[in-house]
């Protein structure tokens, strides 16, 4: 099942790469420095999002020890104050 979501995230990354190429061309053709700067900021945010998606693909996907049908039942419900 993991292969399916991995494939879909990779698809999103491919689309994002195409989008970035378009934004780069747009940035080069806008008439003012101000518009170019705004588009470059948008490009940076998109690149940050892509970096997060790549990190997501690199995760092991192990849900952790507290995962189960009812995650709340296996969790430590002790409050921070009680642990002191």
Protein backbone atom coordinates (compact mmCIF):
# COMPACT_ATOMS: atom_id res chain seq x y z
CA UNK A 1 0.00 0.00 0.00
CA UNK A 2 2.89 2.38 0.68
CA UNK A 3 3.89 2.22 -2.97
CA UNK A 4 0.62 3.88 -3.97
CA UNK A 5 1.01 6.97 -1.84
CA UNK A 6 4.72 7.17 -2.69
CA UNK A 7 3.81 7.14 -6.37
CA UNK A 8 1.23 9.89 -5.87
CA UNK A 9 3.66 12.09 -3.91
CA UNK A 10 6.24 11.62 -6.68
CA UNK A 11 3.57 12.70 -9.16
CA UNK A 12 2.98 15.86 -7.13
CA UNK A 13 6.74 16.53 -7.17
CA UNK A 14 6.87 16.14 -10.96
CA UNK A 15 3.98 18.57 -11.35
CA UNK A 16 5.65 21.00 -8.94
CA UNK A 17 8.84 20.87 -11.01
CA UNK A 18 6.86 21.77 -14.13
CA UNK A 19 5.15 24.56 -12.22
CA UNK A 20 8.50 25.93 -11.04
CA UNK A 21 9.80 26.03 -14.61
CA UNK A 22 6.73 28.02 -15.65
CA UNK A 23 7.11 30.44 -12.73
CA UNK A 24 10.78 30.96 -13.63
CA UNK A 25 9.79 31.91 -17.17
CA UNK A 26 7.08 34.21 -15.86
CA UNK A 27 9.54 35.85 -13.45
CA UNK A 28 11.87 36.64 -16.35
CA UNK A 29 9.10 38.25 -18.37
CA UNK A 30 7.36 40.49 -15.81
CA UNK A 31 7.88 44.22 -16.32
CA UNK A 32 8.97 45.27 -12.81
CA UNK A 33 11.52 44.25 -10.21
CA UNK A 34 8.76 44.24 -7.57
CA UNK A 35 6.70 41.64 -9.44
CA UNK A 36 9.81 39.56 -10.11
CA UNK A 37 10.66 39.63 -6.40
CA UNK A 38 7.12 38.50 -5.45
CA UNK A 39 7.29 35.61 -7.91
CA UNK A 40 10.73 34.60 -6.61
CA UNK A 41 9.29 34.47 -3.09
CA UNK A 42 6.50 32.21 -4.37
CA UNK A 43 9.11 30.00 -6.03
CA UNK A 44 11.08 29.71 -2.76
CA UNK A 45 7.95 28.67 -0.87
CA UNK A 46 7.19 26.06 -3.52
CA UNK A 47 10.76 24.74 -3.25
CA UNK A 48 10.38 24.48 0.53
CA UNK A 49 7.15 22.52 0.06
CA UNK A 50 8.91 20.21 -2.38
CA UNK A 51 11.72 19.65 0.14
CA UNK A 52 9.14 18.61 2.73
CA UNK A 53 7.56 16.18 0.28
CA UNK A 54 10.98 14.66 -0.40
CA UNK A 55 11.55 14.27 3.35
CA UNK A 56 8.15 12.59 3.60
CA UNK A 57 9.20 10.10 0.95
CA UNK A 58 12.36 9.38 2.93
CA UNK A 59 10.53 8.56 6.18
CA UNK A 60 10.41 4.93 7.26
CA UNK A 61 6.60 5.06 7.67
CA UNK A 62 6.82 3.23 11.01
CA UNK A 63 3.87 4.64 12.96
CA UNK A 64 5.52 4.27 16.35
CA UNK A 65 4.69 2.24 19.48
CA UNK A 66 1.47 4.12 20.31
CA UNK A 67 -0.20 3.31 17.01
CA UNK A 68 -3.16 0.96 16.98
CA UNK A 69 -6.89 0.77 16.29
CA UNK A 70 -7.46 3.08 19.26
CA UNK A 71 -4.23 5.09 19.59
CA UNK A 72 -5.53 6.88 22.68
CA UNK A 73 -5.78 3.66 24.67
CA UNK A 74 -2.06 2.92 24.40
CA UNK A 75 -0.89 6.46 25.03
CA UNK A 76 0.48 7.78 28.27
CA UNK A 77 -2.31 9.98 29.59
CA UNK A 78 -0.28 11.30 32.50
CA UNK A 79 -0.21 15.09 32.45
CA UNK A 80 3.04 17.04 32.57
CA UNK A 81 2.18 18.19 36.08
CA UNK A 82 1.70 14.59 37.29
CA UNK A 83 5.12 13.58 35.94
CA UNK A 84 6.95 16.21 37.99
